């Protein structure tokens, strides 16, 4: 459970940008597949950004907790997809 909370604390700075991307996707289309593909692209971009800049030091903390980089970004992607599905479902119901 502590590892999951650590992963959520890693995800916290990305929540606002994820919500903005989800909102933009919702205005263009409320279909789930394009939104999830967009989220996958953004997750891969975040992974690349973290590995290629000075932010790589932040990943050391999670590696010391026993969380690999792949596992960290996979769980972030799954949580982000879950929130996206909920938001798009609610958005499509009210439009």
N, C-alpha and C. Protein backbone atom coordinates (compact mmCIF):
# COMPACT_ATOMS: atom_id res chain seq x y z
N UNK A 1 0.82 -1.19 0.00
CA UNK A 1 0.00 0.00 0.00
C UNK A 1 0.87 1.26 0.00
N UNK A 2 1.99 1.21 0.73
CA UNK A 2 2.88 2.36 0.77
C UNK A 2 3.47 2.65 -0.60
N UNK A 3 3.76 1.60 -1.36
CA UNK A 3 4.30 1.80 -2.71
C UNK A 3 3.26 2.46 -3.61
N UNK A 4 2.01 2.05 -3.47
CA UNK A 4 0.95 2.66 -4.28
C UNK A 4 0.79 4.14 -3.94
N UNK A 5 0.88 4.48 -2.67
CA UNK A 5 0.79 5.88 -2.27
C UNK A 5 1.99 6.67 -2.79
N UNK A 6 3.15 6.03 -2.85
CA UNK A 6 4.32 6.69 -3.41
C UNK A 6 4.13 6.94 -4.90
N UNK A 7 3.53 5.99 -5.59
CA UNK A 7 3.25 6.15 -7.02
C UNK A 7 2.24 7.27 -7.22
N UNK A 8 1.24 7.35 -6.38
CA UNK A 8 0.26 8.44 -6.48
C UNK A 8 0.90 9.80 -6.21
N UNK A 9 1.86 9.84 -5.31
CA UNK A 9 2.55 11.11 -5.09
C UNK A 9 3.40 11.49 -6.29
N UNK A 10 3.90 10.50 -7.02
CA UNK A 10 4.62 10.77 -8.27
C UNK A 10 3.65 11.30 -9.33
N UNK A 11 2.43 10.79 -9.34
CA UNK A 11 1.42 11.16 -10.33
C UNK A 11 0.82 12.54 -10.07
N UNK A 12 0.89 13.01 -8.84
CA UNK A 12 0.22 14.25 -8.45
C UNK A 12 0.57 15.45 -9.34
N UNK A 13 1.83 15.71 -9.70
CA UNK A 13 2.11 16.87 -10.57
C UNK A 13 1.56 16.72 -11.99
N UNK A 14 1.30 15.50 -12.41
CA UNK A 14 0.81 15.26 -13.76
C UNK A 14 -0.72 15.32 -13.86
N UNK A 15 -1.41 15.38 -12.75
CA UNK A 15 -2.87 15.33 -12.76
C UNK A 15 -3.48 16.50 -13.52
N UNK A 16 -2.98 17.69 -13.31
CA UNK A 16 -3.54 18.86 -13.96
C UNK A 16 -3.38 18.75 -15.48
N UNK A 17 -2.17 18.39 -15.93
CA UNK A 17 -1.94 18.26 -17.36
C UNK A 17 -2.77 17.12 -17.95
N UNK A 18 -2.95 16.07 -17.19
CA UNK A 18 -3.77 14.96 -17.65
C UNK A 18 -5.22 15.38 -17.80
N UNK A 19 -5.71 16.15 -16.84
CA UNK A 19 -7.09 16.62 -16.90
C UNK A 19 -7.30 17.56 -18.08
N UNK A 20 -6.32 18.41 -18.36
CA UNK A 20 -6.41 19.30 -19.52
C UNK A 20 -6.45 18.50 -20.81
N UNK A 21 -5.60 17.48 -20.91
CA UNK A 21 -5.59 16.63 -22.11
C UNK A 21 -6.90 15.87 -22.25
N UNK A 22 -7.44 15.39 -21.15
CA UNK A 22 -8.71 14.68 -21.19
C UNK A 22 -9.84 15.60 -21.62
N UNK A 23 -9.84 16.82 -21.12
CA UNK A 23 -10.87 17.79 -21.49
C UNK A 23 -10.80 18.12 -22.98
N UNK A 24 -9.61 18.30 -23.49
CA UNK A 24 -9.45 18.58 -24.92
C UNK A 24 -9.93 17.39 -25.75
N UNK A 25 -9.58 16.20 -25.33
CA UNK A 25 -10.05 14.99 -26.03
C UNK A 25 -11.57 14.88 -25.98
N UNK A 26 -12.16 15.27 -24.86
CA UNK A 26 -13.61 15.17 -24.71
C UNK A 26 -14.33 16.14 -25.63
N UNK A 27 -13.78 17.31 -25.85
CA UNK A 27 -14.43 18.27 -26.74
C UNK A 27 -14.36 17.83 -28.20
N UNK A 28 -13.32 17.11 -28.57
CA UNK A 28 -13.21 16.63 -29.94
C UNK A 28 -14.00 15.34 -30.16
N UNK A 29 -13.91 14.45 -29.21
CA UNK A 29 -14.60 13.17 -29.33
C UNK A 29 -14.71 12.55 -27.95
N UNK A 30 -15.88 11.96 -27.67
CA UNK A 30 -16.05 11.32 -26.36
C UNK A 30 -15.76 9.83 -26.43
N UNK A 31 -15.16 9.38 -27.52
CA UNK A 31 -14.79 7.97 -27.64
C UNK A 31 -13.58 7.68 -26.75
N UNK A 32 -13.55 6.48 -26.20
CA UNK A 32 -12.50 6.13 -25.25
C UNK A 32 -11.17 5.81 -25.91
N UNK A 33 -11.18 5.16 -27.06
CA UNK A 33 -9.94 4.69 -27.68
C UNK A 33 -9.01 5.84 -28.03
N UNK A 34 -9.46 6.91 -28.70
CA UNK A 34 -8.53 8.02 -28.97
C UNK A 34 -7.98 8.67 -27.71
N UNK A 35 -8.79 8.75 -26.68
CA UNK A 35 -8.33 9.35 -25.42
C UNK A 35 -7.27 8.47 -24.76
N UNK A 36 -7.47 7.17 -24.77
CA UNK A 36 -6.50 6.27 -24.15
C UNK A 36 -5.20 6.23 -24.95
N UNK A 37 -5.30 6.28 -26.27
CA UNK A 37 -4.09 6.33 -27.10
C UNK A 37 -3.33 7.63 -26.82
N UNK A 38 -4.05 8.72 -26.66
CA UNK A 38 -3.42 10.00 -26.32
C UNK A 38 -2.72 9.91 -24.96
N UNK A 39 -3.37 9.27 -24.01
CA UNK A 39 -2.76 9.10 -22.69
C UNK A 39 -1.52 8.22 -22.75
N UNK A 40 -1.56 7.19 -23.59
CA UNK A 40 -0.38 6.35 -23.76
C UNK A 40 0.78 7.16 -24.33
N UNK A 41 0.49 7.97 -25.34
CA UNK A 41 1.52 8.83 -25.92
C UNK A 41 2.09 9.78 -24.88
N UNK A 42 1.23 10.39 -24.08
CA UNK A 42 1.69 11.33 -23.05
C UNK A 42 2.50 10.63 -21.95
N UNK A 43 2.14 9.40 -21.63
CA UNK A 43 2.89 8.64 -20.63
C UNK A 43 4.28 8.30 -21.15
N UNK A 44 4.36 7.89 -22.41
CA UNK A 44 5.67 7.59 -23.01
C UNK A 44 6.51 8.87 -23.09
N UNK A 45 5.87 9.99 -23.43
CA UNK A 45 6.59 11.26 -23.45
C UNK A 45 7.10 11.63 -22.07
N UNK A 46 6.29 11.44 -21.04
CA UNK A 46 6.72 11.74 -19.66
C UNK A 46 7.88 10.85 -19.26
N UNK A 47 7.83 9.57 -19.64
CA UNK A 47 8.93 8.66 -19.34
C UNK A 47 10.21 9.13 -20.03
N UNK A 48 10.11 9.50 -21.30
CA UNK A 48 11.27 9.98 -22.04
C UNK A 48 11.82 11.27 -21.42
N UNK A 49 10.93 12.17 -21.06
CA UNK A 49 11.34 13.43 -20.43
C UNK A 49 12.05 13.17 -19.11
N UNK A 50 11.52 12.28 -18.31
CA UNK A 50 12.14 11.99 -17.02
C UNK A 50 13.50 11.33 -17.17
N UNK A 51 13.66 10.49 -18.18
CA UNK A 51 14.93 9.79 -18.37
C UNK A 51 16.00 10.66 -19.01
N UNK A 52 15.63 11.64 -19.78
CA UNK A 52 16.60 12.42 -20.54
C UNK A 52 16.95 13.77 -19.93
N UNK A 53 16.37 14.13 -18.81
CA UNK A 53 16.67 15.42 -18.18
C UNK A 53 17.19 15.18 -16.77
N UNK A 54 17.39 16.26 -16.06
CA UNK A 54 17.86 16.17 -14.68
C UNK A 54 16.82 15.57 -13.75
N UNK A 55 15.59 15.40 -14.23
CA UNK A 55 14.54 14.80 -13.41
C UNK A 55 14.78 13.31 -13.18
N UNK A 56 15.78 12.75 -13.82
CA UNK A 56 16.08 11.33 -13.64
C UNK A 56 16.43 11.03 -12.18
N UNK A 57 16.93 12.02 -11.47
CA UNK A 57 17.26 11.83 -10.05
C UNK A 57 16.01 11.51 -9.23
N UNK A 58 14.86 12.03 -9.65
CA UNK A 58 13.62 11.74 -8.93
C UNK A 58 13.26 10.27 -9.01
N UNK A 59 13.63 9.62 -10.10
CA UNK A 59 13.32 8.21 -10.26
C UNK A 59 14.13 7.34 -9.31
N UNK A 60 15.26 7.83 -8.83
CA UNK A 60 16.10 7.07 -7.91
C UNK A 60 15.35 6.78 -6.61
N UNK A 61 14.55 7.73 -6.15
CA UNK A 61 13.77 7.53 -4.93
C UNK A 61 12.84 6.32 -5.09
N UNK A 62 12.17 6.23 -6.22
CA UNK A 62 11.23 5.13 -6.45
C UNK A 62 11.96 3.81 -6.66
N UNK A 63 13.14 3.87 -7.26
CA UNK A 63 13.93 2.65 -7.41
C UNK A 63 14.42 2.15 -6.06
N UNK A 64 14.72 3.07 -5.14
CA UNK A 64 15.11 2.66 -3.78
C UNK A 64 13.95 2.03 -3.02
N UNK A 65 12.73 2.38 -3.39
CA UNK A 65 11.56 1.75 -2.78
C UNK A 65 11.23 0.40 -3.40
N UNK A 66 11.96 0.04 -4.45
CA UNK A 66 11.73 -1.24 -5.12
C UNK A 66 10.73 -1.14 -6.26
N UNK A 67 10.50 0.07 -6.74
CA UNK A 67 9.56 0.28 -7.84
C UNK A 67 10.37 0.58 -9.09
N UNK A 68 10.27 -0.28 -10.07
CA UNK A 68 11.01 -0.06 -11.32
C UNK A 68 10.35 1.07 -12.10
N UNK A 69 11.12 1.63 -13.04
CA UNK A 69 10.60 2.72 -13.86
C UNK A 69 9.42 2.25 -14.69
N UNK A 70 9.50 1.04 -15.22
CA UNK A 70 8.40 0.49 -16.02
C UNK A 70 7.14 0.34 -15.17
N UNK A 71 7.30 -0.20 -13.96
CA UNK A 71 6.15 -0.40 -13.07
C UNK A 71 5.55 0.95 -12.67
N UNK A 72 6.40 1.93 -12.40
CA UNK A 72 5.94 3.25 -12.01
C UNK A 72 5.08 3.88 -13.09
N UNK A 73 5.57 3.90 -14.31
CA UNK A 73 4.82 4.53 -15.38
C UNK A 73 3.63 3.67 -15.83
N UNK A 74 3.71 2.36 -15.66
CA UNK A 74 2.56 1.51 -15.98
C UNK A 74 1.39 1.77 -15.03
N UNK A 75 1.69 1.86 -13.76
CA UNK A 75 0.62 2.13 -12.78
C UNK A 75 0.07 3.53 -12.98
N UNK A 76 0.93 4.49 -13.28
CA UNK A 76 0.45 5.85 -13.56
C UNK A 76 -0.48 5.84 -14.77
N UNK A 77 -0.11 5.08 -15.81
CA UNK A 77 -0.96 4.99 -17.00
C UNK A 77 -2.30 4.34 -16.69
N UNK A 78 -2.31 3.30 -15.89
CA UNK A 78 -3.55 2.61 -15.54
C UNK A 78 -4.46 3.53 -14.71
N UNK A 79 -3.89 4.21 -13.74
CA UNK A 79 -4.69 5.14 -12.92
C UNK A 79 -5.23 6.27 -13.79
N UNK A 80 -4.38 6.77 -14.69
CA UNK A 80 -4.80 7.85 -15.58
C UNK A 80 -5.92 7.38 -16.52
N UNK A 81 -5.82 6.17 -17.03
CA UNK A 81 -6.88 5.63 -17.89
C UNK A 81 -8.18 5.46 -17.12
N UNK A 82 -8.08 5.00 -15.90
CA UNK A 82 -9.27 4.84 -15.06
C UNK A 82 -9.97 6.18 -14.86
N UNK A 83 -9.21 7.21 -14.54
CA UNK A 83 -9.80 8.54 -14.35
C UNK A 83 -10.35 9.09 -15.67
N UNK A 84 -9.69 8.80 -16.77
CA UNK A 84 -10.15 9.26 -18.08
C UNK A 84 -11.47 8.61 -18.46
N UNK A 85 -11.59 7.32 -18.21
CA UNK A 85 -12.83 6.62 -18.53
C UNK A 85 -13.98 7.18 -17.70
N UNK A 86 -13.75 7.43 -16.44
CA UNK A 86 -14.79 8.00 -15.59
C UNK A 86 -15.19 9.39 -16.09
N UNK A 87 -14.20 10.23 -16.39
CA UNK A 87 -14.50 11.58 -16.84
C UNK A 87 -15.24 11.58 -18.17
N UNK A 88 -14.78 10.77 -19.13
CA UNK A 88 -15.43 10.75 -20.44
C UNK A 88 -16.83 10.15 -20.37
N UNK A 89 -17.04 9.20 -19.49
CA UNK A 89 -18.38 8.64 -19.31
C UNK A 89 -19.33 9.70 -18.76
N UNK A 90 -18.87 10.41 -17.74
CA UNK A 90 -19.70 11.48 -17.19
C UNK A 90 -19.91 12.60 -18.19
N UNK A 91 -18.89 12.94 -18.95
CA UNK A 91 -18.98 14.00 -19.94
C UNK A 91 -19.97 13.64 -21.04
N UNK A 92 -19.94 12.39 -21.48
CA UNK A 92 -20.87 11.97 -22.55
C UNK A 92 -22.30 11.88 -22.06
N UNK A 93 -22.50 11.62 -20.78
CA UNK A 93 -23.85 11.55 -20.23
C UNK A 93 -24.52 12.92 -20.16
N UNK A 94 -23.72 13.95 -19.96
CA UNK A 94 -24.27 15.30 -19.78
C UNK A 94 -24.20 16.14 -21.05
N UNK A 95 -23.74 15.57 -22.15
CA UNK A 95 -23.74 16.35 -23.40
C UNK A 95 -24.71 15.76 -24.39
